[in-house]
């Protein structure tokens, strides 16, 4: 496969923001192209003028760039096959639709939506799949001319050749075969003059020299129709990889209505792009390990043969796992920039790196980072029942020993804890938990060795004094 130039594309319709399902299609397309040092192209399928909006075109580009999915050709970067918005390619579509008409491969259809609905109903009631009856294909030429002259509204249909078996090899699903007799002549230009998806999508892939199309399995039955169209136009077809859909935790397919799974919403919630990309890369592609990989590494190890045929289930817990990995592997400056402005307001700039180093293994969101900044610099939160039992359960002299150890050893937590243990005879959990809770208000969290120097002697003294028994 690699001796050919590989070019893939992502071709969203800008009728909404992209969610995880679209983003994964874009990711797999990019990984396939990069695996072969090929080209990744971005095209906007905005023929639905009523719902397509400029703001969605901008947000799709912003989301892709945030994820690191940079395209080398297409919307916003240009290229030899411009324009890359279907709304600007009307002339091109008219030319190729005309070719099909002149070759007798397409004909005007005057059936009204009501007539089509009735015919569909009749077929369904007879237990047959709905398919166009071909009525207008059989209109006498003079009848057709008369209707056209009268300006009767009409669509353009592609004449599907009878008795054909359309076969192709799907990169995910293997050999596929469809009978042309079961397809029915399909619409390639709508009554309003705009091209139908089946037509413009296939034509643009061929004209833009796309070699491989990665798309959802819901498009599988479109493929034989598009192959027939390209054959009729004598244009080269791409190879197809139909990937399984992503389902939510309730097993229903993800859609634009899953607002929380919009890429922009994840970004706003503080997810790192590396976390989202690693999560998506493993939804339906098998990598064999759970190590955080860069886009370059994901591309090197990408193989269409490892794409799964069964639906991939999105699980918030898995996304959080990758978020934890991404935070652990990010560099300090990146994490400092990612921390919310309120964190910057609490942590002195000269302590920023030490603060990040202390908490990074225990935080997954900017919000959690802020909670630790508050604990360190403002004081522990109100203690819960279990935390209260821990500090109250410590021996009355325990915190007096801790204060004396603080004077002797300062913020060296290991030395301080050893001193307290030596004086009180307490070891293990009974030693560390009361110290941790008194100093942070929490039973779990970052290592005290990193936290105590940030808390500092003065704040630590006040926190320990609070629990010295007054009996």
Protein backbone atom coordinates (compact mmCIF):
# COMPACT_ATOMS: atom_id res chain seq x y z
CA UNK A 1 0.00 0.00 0.00
CA UNK A 2 2.82 2.38 0.84
CA UNK A 3 4.36 2.61 -2.64
CA UNK A 4 1.29 4.63 -3.71
CA UNK A 5 0.82 8.15 -2.48
CA UNK A 6 -1.72 7.96 0.32
CA UNK A 7 -4.16 10.83 0.69
CA UNK A 8 -7.02 10.75 3.19
CA UNK A 9 -9.66 13.32 4.00
CA UNK A 10 -12.02 14.51 6.70
CA UNK A 11 -15.18 15.95 5.16
CA UNK A 12 -17.61 17.17 7.85
CA UNK A 13 -20.81 19.07 7.17
CA UNK A 14 -20.55 22.30 9.21
CA UNK A 15 -24.04 22.00 10.70
CA UNK A 16 -22.80 21.74 14.31
CA UNK A 17 -19.73 21.34 16.49
CA UNK A 18 -17.69 18.15 16.20
CA UNK A 19 -18.14 15.49 18.87
CA UNK A 20 -15.94 12.52 19.74
CA UNK A 21 -17.31 10.39 16.90
CA UNK A 22 -16.36 12.91 14.19
CA UNK A 23 -13.03 13.61 15.88
CA UNK A 24 -12.14 9.90 15.86
CA UNK A 25 -12.92 9.65 12.12
CA UNK A 26 -10.62 12.64 11.53
CA UNK A 27 -7.94 11.07 13.77
CA UNK A 28 -7.99 7.68 12.03
CA UNK A 29 -7.86 9.43 8.63
CA UNK A 30 -4.83 11.45 9.74
CA UNK A 31 -3.08 8.42 11.30
CA UNK A 32 -3.52 6.40 8.09
CA UNK A 33 -2.06 9.24 5.99
CA UNK A 34 0.85 9.86 8.38
CA UNK A 35 1.63 6.15 8.62
CA UNK A 36 2.45 6.31 4.88
CA UNK A 37 3.94 9.85 4.91
CA UNK A 38 0.86 10.89 2.95
CA UNK A 39 -1.47 13.90 2.89
CA UNK A 40 -4.46 14.65 5.12
CA UNK A 41 -7.10 16.90 3.53
CA UNK A 42 -9.97 18.90 5.06
CA UNK A 43 -13.10 19.53 2.99
CA UNK A 44 -16.32 21.24 4.06
CA UNK A 45 -19.49 19.52 2.81
CA UNK A 46 -21.68 22.60 3.23
CA UNK A 47 -24.29 22.06 0.50
CA UNK A 48 -27.03 22.20 3.18
CA UNK A 49 -27.13 26.00 3.09
CA UNK A 50 -29.97 26.22 5.61
CA UNK A 51 -27.97 24.53 8.41
CA UNK A 52 -24.33 25.15 7.46
CA UNK A 53 -22.80 28.10 9.29
CA UNK A 54 -19.49 29.94 9.13
CA UNK A 55 -19.08 29.70 12.92
CA UNK A 56 -19.19 25.89 12.67
CA UNK A 57 -16.51 25.89 9.95
CA UNK A 58 -14.32 27.96 12.29
CA UNK A 59 -15.03 25.80 15.34
CA UNK A 60 -14.29 22.55 13.42
CA UNK A 61 -10.91 23.94 12.37
CA UNK A 62 -10.17 25.16 15.90
CA UNK A 63 -11.06 21.76 17.41
CA UNK A 64 -8.90 19.85 14.90
CA UNK A 65 -5.94 22.17 15.52
CA UNK A 66 -6.33 21.87 19.29
CA UNK A 67 -6.20 18.07 18.95
CA UNK A 68 -3.04 18.44 16.83
CA UNK A 69 -4.78 17.10 13.70
CA UNK A 70 -3.12 19.44 11.18
CA UNK A 71 -4.18 19.06 7.54
CA UNK A 72 -1.80 19.73 4.65
CA UNK A 73 -4.45 20.58 2.07
CA UNK A 74 -7.95 21.99 2.11
CA UNK A 75 -10.12 24.54 3.88
CA UNK A 76 -8.01 27.32 5.37
CA UNK A 77 -4.67 26.12 3.93
CA UNK A 78 -5.45 25.88 0.21
CA UNK A 79 -4.11 23.50 -2.41
CA UNK A 80 -4.28 22.56 -6.09
CA UNK A 81 -7.84 21.21 -5.88
CA UNK A 82 -9.46 24.36 -4.44
CA UNK A 83 -12.12 25.38 -3.62
CA UNK A 84 -12.57 23.05 -0.65
CA UNK A 85 -16.09 24.12 0.26
CA UNK A 86 -18.77 22.29 -1.66
CA UNK A 87 -20.93 25.43 -1.69
CA UNK A 88 -18.28 26.98 -3.98
CA UNK A 89 -18.01 23.98 -6.35
CA UNK A 90 -21.38 24.35 -8.11
CA UNK A 91 -19.84 24.80 -11.59
CA UNK A 92 -17.85 21.58 -11.22
CA UNK A 93 -20.96 19.61 -10.15
CA UNK A 94 -23.03 21.00 -13.03
CA UNK A 95 -20.36 19.93 -15.53
CA UNK A 96 -20.25 16.31 -14.30
CA UNK A 97 -24.03 16.05 -13.85
CA UNK A 98 -24.32 17.22 -17.47
CA UNK A 99 -21.90 14.49 -18.58
CA UNK A 100 -24.07 11.83 -16.94
CA UNK A 101 -27.23 13.23 -18.55
CA UNK A 102 -25.67 13.40 -22.00
CA UNK A 103 -24.44 9.82 -21.67
CA UNK A 104 -27.97 8.70 -20.74
CA UNK A 105 -26.77 7.68 -17.26
CA UNK A 106 -29.04 10.22 -15.48
CA UNK A 107 -32.59 11.46 -16.07
CA UNK A 108 -34.97 14.05 -14.62
CA UNK A 109 -37.52 12.71 -12.12
CA UNK A 110 -40.80 14.61 -11.73
CA UNK A 111 -42.30 12.45 -8.95
CA UNK A 112 -43.48 14.61 -6.03
CA UNK A 113 -42.42 13.83 -2.46
CA UNK A 114 -46.02 12.73 -1.79
CA UNK A 115 -46.00 10.27 -4.71
CA UNK A 116 -42.65 8.86 -3.56
CA UNK A 117 -43.97 8.45 0.00
CA UNK A 118 -47.01 6.50 -1.26
CA UNK A 119 -44.90 4.23 -3.47
CA UNK A 120 -42.50 3.65 -0.56
CA UNK A 121 -45.42 2.72 1.72
CA UNK A 122 -46.81 0.27 -0.87
CA UNK A 123 -43.46 -1.53 -1.17
CA UNK A 124 -43.00 -1.72 2.60
CA UNK A 125 -46.53 -3.08 3.03
CA UNK A 126 -45.73 -5.76 0.44
CA UNK A 127 -42.70 -6.74 2.54
CA UNK A 128 -40.19 -5.33 0.01
CA UNK A 129 -37.37 -2.87 0.74
CA UNK A 130 -38.26 0.69 -0.35
CA UNK A 131 -36.78 1.46 -3.74
CA UNK A 132 -37.59 3.91 -6.49
CA UNK A 133 -39.96 2.34 -9.01
CA UNK A 134 -38.14 3.81 -12.02
CA UNK A 135 -41.32 5.45 -13.28
CA UNK A 136 -39.66 8.58 -14.73
CA UNK A 137 -36.91 6.47 -16.31
CA UNK A 138 -39.56 5.14 -18.68
CA UNK A 139 -41.15 8.49 -19.64
CA UNK A 140 -41.42 9.00 -23.42
CA UNK A 141 -38.96 11.68 -24.61
CA UNK A 142 -41.71 14.12 -25.72
CA UNK A 143 -43.46 13.82 -22.32
CA UNK A 144 -40.13 14.59 -20.58
CA UNK A 145 -39.48 17.63 -22.84
CA UNK A 146 -42.98 18.99 -22.17
CA UNK A 147 -42.59 18.76 -18.37
CA UNK A 148 -39.15 20.42 -18.53
CA UNK A 149 -40.51 23.26 -20.71
CA UNK A 150 -43.37 23.81 -18.29
CA UNK A 151 -40.77 24.23 -15.55
CA UNK A 152 -42.10 21.36 -13.42
CA UNK A 153 -39.88 20.88 -10.37
CA UNK A 154 -37.67 17.82 -10.71
CA UNK A 155 -34.67 15.98 -9.30
CA UNK A 156 -31.98 14.20 -11.29
CA UNK A 157 -31.60 10.44 -10.79
CA UNK A 158 -28.70 8.14 -11.62
CA UNK A 159 -29.65 5.19 -13.81
CA UNK A 160 -28.36 2.12 -11.96
CA UNK A 161 -27.28 -0.60 -14.44
CA UNK A 162 -29.35 -3.78 -13.97
CA UNK A 163 -27.97 -7.21 -13.15
CA UNK A 164 -24.65 -6.05 -11.75
CA UNK A 165 -22.80 -7.28 -8.70
CA UNK A 166 -20.81 -4.41 -7.17
CA UNK A 167 -17.83 -5.72 -5.25
CA UNK A 168 -15.07 -4.03 -3.27
CA UNK A 169 -12.62 -4.88 -0.52
CA UNK A 170 -13.25 -2.91 2.65
CA UNK A 171 -10.09 -2.32 4.71
CA UNK A 172 -11.99 -3.11 7.92
CA UNK A 173 -14.76 -5.48 6.85
CA UNK A 174 -13.11 -7.43 4.06
CA UNK A 175 -14.83 -8.42 0.79
CA UNK A 176 -18.21 -6.75 0.15
CA UNK A 177 -20.76 -7.50 -2.54
CA UNK A 178 -24.01 -5.67 -3.42
CA UNK A 179 -26.57 -6.38 -6.15
CA UNK A 180 -27.42 -3.41 -8.32
CA UNK A 181 -30.98 -4.72 -8.77
CA UNK A 182 -31.63 -4.01 -5.09
CA UNK A 183 -30.51 -0.36 -5.21
CA UNK A 184 -33.01 1.51 -7.31
CA UNK A 185 -32.16 4.67 -9.26
CA UNK A 186 -31.03 7.27 -6.72
CA UNK A 187 -31.15 11.07 -6.61
CA UNK A 188 -27.89 12.83 -7.50
CA UNK A 189 -29.27 16.38 -7.72
CA UNK A 190 -32.00 17.71 -5.49
CA UNK A 191 -35.02 19.67 -6.74
CA UNK A 192 -33.37 22.92 -5.59
CA UNK A 193 -30.43 22.26 -7.91
CA UNK A 194 -27.91 21.32 -5.20
CA UNK A 195 -25.98 18.04 -5.56
CA UNK A 196 -26.98 15.12 -3.33
CA UNK A 197 -24.39 13.81 -0.86
CA UNK A 198 -23.80 10.55 -2.77
CA UNK A 199 -22.78 12.51 -5.84
CA UNK A 200 -20.74 15.47 -4.55
CA UNK A 201 -18.96 13.38 -1.92
CA UNK A 202 -17.80 10.71 -4.41
CA UNK A 203 -16.94 13.21 -7.15
CA UNK A 204 -14.84 15.40 -4.85
CA UNK A 205 -12.95 12.39 -3.47
CA UNK A 206 -12.01 11.42 -7.04
CA UNK A 207 -11.19 14.93 -8.27
CA UNK A 208 -9.14 15.71 -5.15
CA UNK A 209 -7.18 12.47 -5.65
CA UNK A 210 -8.19 10.99 -2.29
CA UNK A 211 -6.77 7.44 -2.16
CA UNK A 212 -8.36 6.18 1.08
CA UNK A 213 -11.66 7.10 2.73
CA UNK A 214 -12.13 6.34 6.43
CA UNK A 215 -15.77 6.76 7.48
CA UNK A 216 -18.48 5.35 9.71
CA UNK A 217 -20.08 2.00 8.93
CA UNK A 218 -23.41 3.82 8.49
CA UNK A 219 -22.02 4.75 5.02
CA UNK A 220 -21.32 1.16 3.96
CA UNK A 221 -24.43 0.89 1.74
CA UNK A 222 -23.58 4.23 0.06
CA UNK A 223 -20.30 2.81 -1.23
CA UNK A 224 -21.64 0.56 -4.06
CA UNK A 225 -23.73 3.45 -5.37
CA UNK A 226 -20.73 5.78 -5.30
CA UNK A 227 -18.57 3.17 -7.06
CA UNK A 228 -21.16 2.94 -9.86
CA UNK A 229 -21.19 6.74 -10.16
CA UNK A 230 -17.40 6.99 -10.43
CA UNK A 231 -17.33 4.15 -12.95
CA UNK A 232 -19.92 5.96 -15.10
CA UNK A 233 -17.74 9.11 -14.96
CA UNK A 234 -14.57 7.11 -15.67
CA UNK A 235 -12.98 8.39 -12.44
CA UNK A 236 -10.75 6.36 -10.05
CA UNK A 237 -12.45 5.21 -6.83
CA UNK A 238 -10.70 5.47 -3.44
CA UNK A 239 -10.26 2.50 -1.12
CA UNK A 240 -12.74 2.46 1.76
CA UNK A 241 -12.40 1.68 5.45
CA UNK A 242 -15.77 1.64 7.25
CA UNK A 243 -15.17 1.93 10.99
CA UNK A 244 -17.59 0.84 13.70
CA UNK A 245 -19.60 3.57 15.40
CA UNK A 246 -18.87 4.82 18.90
CA UNK A 247 -21.65 4.16 21.38
CA UNK A 248 -22.24 5.99 24.64
CA UNK A 249 -22.45 4.24 28.00
CA UNK A 250 -26.12 3.49 27.22
CA UNK A 251 -25.12 1.75 23.93
CA UNK A 252 -26.84 4.36 21.75
CA UNK A 253 -24.67 5.97 19.03
CA UNK A 254 -22.98 9.25 19.93
CA UNK A 255 -24.42 12.24 18.11
CA UNK A 256 -24.13 16.01 18.01
CA UNK A 257 -26.79 16.02 20.72
CA UNK A 258 -24.36 14.51 23.25
CA UNK A 259 -23.30 18.04 24.19
CA UNK A 260 -20.80 16.96 26.84
CA UNK A 261 -18.89 14.93 24.28
CA UNK A 262 -18.26 17.88 22.00
CA UNK A 263 -14.52 18.37 21.57
CA UNK A 264 -14.90 22.03 22.59
CA UNK A 265 -16.67 21.01 25.82
CA UNK A 266 -13.81 18.66 26.74
CA UNK A 267 -11.29 21.42 26.08
CA UNK A 268 -13.26 23.82 28.29
CA UNK A 269 -13.42 21.17 31.03
CA UNK A 270 -9.61 21.10 31.11
CA UNK A 271 -8.91 17.90 29.20
CA UNK A 272 -5.50 17.85 27.50
CA UNK A 273 -5.42 17.14 23.75
CA UNK A 274 -3.05 14.18 24.29
CA UNK A 275 -5.61 12.56 26.60
CA UNK A 276 -8.47 12.93 24.11
CA UNK A 277 -6.35 11.68 21.19
CA UNK A 278 -5.06 8.61 23.07
CA UNK A 279 -8.60 7.80 24.24
CA UNK A 280 -10.02 8.09 20.70
CA UNK A 281 -7.14 6.16 19.11
CA UNK A 282 -8.12 3.11 21.16
CA UNK A 283 -11.85 3.30 20.51
CA UNK A 284 -12.02 0.63 17.84
CA UNK A 285 -8.28 0.31 17.12
CA UNK A 286 -6.14 -2.19 19.01
CA UNK A 287 -2.72 -0.95 20.17
CA UNK A 288 -1.93 -3.79 22.56
CA UNK A 289 -0.78 -1.57 25.46
CA UNK A 290 -1.89 1.41 27.52
CA UNK A 291 1.12 3.70 27.17
CA UNK A 292 0.56 7.34 26.32
CA UNK A 293 1.70 7.88 22.73
CA UNK A 294 2.42 11.00 20.69
CA UNK A 295 0.56 11.49 17.40
CA UNK A 296 3.74 10.39 15.59
CA UNK A 297 3.89 7.16 17.60
CA UNK A 298 0.16 6.53 17.16
CA UNK A 299 0.63 6.90 13.39
CA UNK A 300 3.66 4.60 13.30
CA UNK A 301 1.67 1.85 15.05
CA UNK A 302 -1.60 2.44 13.17
CA UNK A 303 -2.87 -0.44 11.04
CA UNK A 304 -6.33 -0.61 9.36
CA UNK A 305 -6.17 -4.37 9.96
CA UNK A 306 -6.41 -3.64 13.69
CA UNK A 307 -9.63 -1.65 13.36
CA UNK A 308 -12.49 -3.41 15.10
CA UNK A 309 -15.76 -4.39 13.41
CA UNK A 310 -17.79 -4.26 16.61
CA UNK A 311 -19.01 -0.97 18.11
CA UNK A 312 -16.53 0.87 20.33
CA UNK A 313 -17.93 2.06 23.64
CA UNK A 314 -16.95 5.46 25.03
CA UNK A 315 -16.38 5.29 28.77
CA UNK A 316 -15.74 8.43 30.86
CA UNK A 317 -13.51 6.46 33.23
CA UNK A 318 -11.20 5.53 30.35
CA UNK A 319 -11.04 9.14 29.22
CA UNK A 320 -10.08 10.12 32.80
CA UNK A 321 -7.40 7.42 32.84
CA UNK A 322 -5.81 8.97 29.72
CA UNK A 323 -6.17 12.42 31.24
CA UNK A 324 -4.16 11.28 34.25
CA UNK A 325 -1.49 9.87 31.92
CA UNK A 326 -1.36 13.06 29.86
CA UNK A 327 -0.97 15.23 32.97
CA UNK A 328 1.80 12.98 34.29
CA UNK A 329 3.71 13.22 31.00
CA UNK A 330 3.19 16.91 30.26
CA UNK A 331 6.09 19.27 30.87
CA UNK A 332 5.92 21.69 33.82
CA UNK A 333 5.48 24.83 31.72
CA UNK A 334 2.57 23.26 29.82
CA UNK A 335 0.86 22.27 33.08
CA UNK A 336 1.44 25.71 34.60
CA UNK A 337 -0.19 27.25 31.54
CA UNK A 338 -3.06 24.74 31.76
CA UNK A 339 -3.71 25.53 35.45
CA UNK A 340 -6.61 27.91 35.86
CA UNK A 341 -5.91 31.66 36.44
CA UNK A 342 -7.07 31.28 40.09
CA UNK A 343 -4.13 28.87 40.60
CA UNK A 344 -1.74 31.52 39.27
CA UNK A 345 -3.23 33.99 41.72
CA UNK A 346 -2.50 31.72 44.72
CA UNK A 347 0.89 30.19 43.88
CA UNK A 348 3.89 32.56 44.02
CA UNK A 349 5.63 32.54 40.60
CA UNK A 350 8.95 31.41 42.11
CA UNK A 351 7.19 28.32 43.53
CA UNK A 352 5.29 27.45 40.33
CA UNK A 353 7.60 24.64 39.18
CA UNK A 354 7.80 23.08 42.64
CA UNK A 355 4.03 23.29 43.02
CA UNK A 356 3.46 21.55 39.65
CA UNK A 357 6.02 18.86 40.51
CA UNK A 358 4.36 18.24 43.90
CA UNK A 359 0.77 17.80 42.68
CA UNK A 360 0.99 16.58 39.05
CA UNK A 361 0.61 12.85 39.81
CA UNK A 362 -2.58 13.47 41.79
CA UNK A 363 -4.57 15.89 39.62
CA UNK A 364 -6.55 15.40 36.44
CA UNK A 365 -8.23 18.78 36.00
CA UNK A 366 -7.33 22.45 36.56
CA UNK A 367 -10.07 22.41 39.22
CA UNK A 368 -8.24 19.71 41.22
CA UNK A 369 -5.04 21.71 40.88
CA UNK A 370 -6.85 24.71 42.33
CA UNK A 371 -8.09 22.62 45.27
CA UNK A 372 -4.47 21.73 46.17
CA UNK A 373 -3.33 25.31 45.73
CA UNK A 374 -6.05 26.35 48.20
CA UNK A 375 -5.04 23.62 50.67
CA UNK A 376 -1.36 24.60 50.52
CA UNK A 377 -1.69 28.39 50.60
CA UNK A 378 -5.05 29.07 52.28
CA UNK A 379 -5.50 26.14 54.65
CA UNK A 380 -7.17 22.73 54.89
CA UNK A 381 -10.88 22.42 54.09
CA UNK A 382 -13.45 21.71 56.80
CA UNK A 383 -12.68 18.19 58.07
CA UNK A 384 -15.11 15.38 57.32
CA UNK A 385 -16.16 12.81 59.93
CA UNK A 386 -13.41 10.30 59.09
CA UNK A 387 -10.69 12.97 58.98
CA UNK A 388 -11.82 14.32 62.35
CA UNK A 389 -11.64 10.83 63.90
CA UNK A 390 -8.06 10.45 62.62
CA UNK A 391 -6.70 13.64 64.21
CA UNK A 392 -8.73 13.23 67.39
CA UNK A 393 -7.58 9.62 67.66
CA UNK A 394 -3.93 10.62 67.77
CA UNK A 395 -2.34 10.57 71.21
CA UNK A 396 -2.59 13.94 73.05
CA UNK A 397 1.17 14.42 72.95
CA UNK A 398 1.43 13.47 69.24
CA UNK A 399 1.03 16.97 67.81
CA UNK A 400 3.28 18.49 70.50
CA UNK A 401 6.01 16.12 69.28
CA UNK A 402 5.23 17.17 65.71
CA UNK A 403 5.66 20.87 66.57
CA UNK A 404 9.03 20.17 68.24
CA UNK A 405 10.10 18.10 65.20
CA UNK A 406 9.12 21.02 62.93
CA UNK A 407 11.43 23.33 64.86
CA UNK A 408 14.28 20.82 64.60
CA UNK A 409 13.88 19.69 60.98
CA UNK A 410 11.87 22.40 59.22
CA UNK A 411 9.97 21.24 56.15
CA UNK A 412 11.93 17.99 55.60
CA UNK A 413 8.92 15.71 56.01
CA UNK A 414 10.85 12.43 56.21
CA UNK A 415 13.09 13.76 59.02
CA UNK A 416 10.06 15.28 60.79
CA UNK A 417 8.07 12.02 60.64
CA UNK A 418 11.09 9.99 61.88
CA UNK A 419 11.48 12.39 64.82
CA UNK A 420 7.78 12.13 65.73
CA UNK A 421 7.99 8.33 65.50
CA UNK A 422 11.09 8.23 67.72
CA UNK A 423 9.45 10.41 70.38
CA UNK A 424 5.98 8.87 70.32
CA UNK A 425 6.70 5.27 69.36
CA UNK A 426 3.98 5.52 66.66
CA UNK A 427 4.63 3.97 63.22
CA UNK A 428 2.99 3.40 59.81
CA UNK A 429 -0.50 4.68 59.13
CA UNK A 430 -0.98 5.84 62.72
CA UNK A 431 2.02 8.13 62.18
CA UNK A 432 1.45 9.42 58.65
CA UNK A 433 -2.35 9.81 58.52
CA UNK A 434 -2.74 12.23 61.48
CA UNK A 435 0.14 14.34 60.13
CA UNK A 436 -1.32 14.40 56.59
CA UNK A 437 -4.85 15.24 57.78
CA UNK A 438 -3.69 17.94 60.20
CA UNK A 439 -1.58 19.59 57.48
CA UNK A 440 -3.88 19.15 54.44
CA UNK A 441 -7.34 18.16 55.67
CA UNK A 442 -7.20 15.13 53.32
CA UNK A 443 -6.47 11.44 53.86
CA UNK A 444 -5.08 11.03 50.33
CA UNK A 445 -3.11 13.15 47.94
CA UNK A 446 0.34 14.12 46.71
CA UNK A 447 3.40 13.03 48.66
CA UNK A 448 3.98 15.08 51.82
CA UNK A 449 7.66 15.38 50.89
CA UNK A 450 6.66 17.74 48.07
CA UNK A 451 3.76 19.44 49.88
CA UNK A 452 5.36 20.39 53.22
CA UNK A 453 8.06 22.71 51.77
CA UNK A 454 5.29 24.59 49.91
CA UNK A 455 3.10 24.80 53.04
CA UNK A 456 6.14 26.21 54.84
CA UNK A 457 7.07 26.27 58.53
CA UNK A 458 4.76 29.12 59.57
CA UNK A 459 1.55 27.68 58.05
CA UNK A 460 2.49 24.15 59.18
CA UNK A 461 3.01 25.40 62.76
CA UNK A 462 -0.45 27.01 62.88
CA UNK A 463 -2.09 23.86 61.48
CA UNK A 464 -0.39 21.54 63.99
CA UNK A 465 -1.00 23.85 66.97
CA UNK A 466 -4.73 23.60 66.31
CA UNK A 467 -4.65 19.91 67.36
CA UNK A 468 -2.28 20.05 70.35
CA UNK A 469 -4.29 18.69 73.28
CA UNK A 470 -5.18 21.38 75.77
CA UNK A 471 -5.90 19.05 78.67
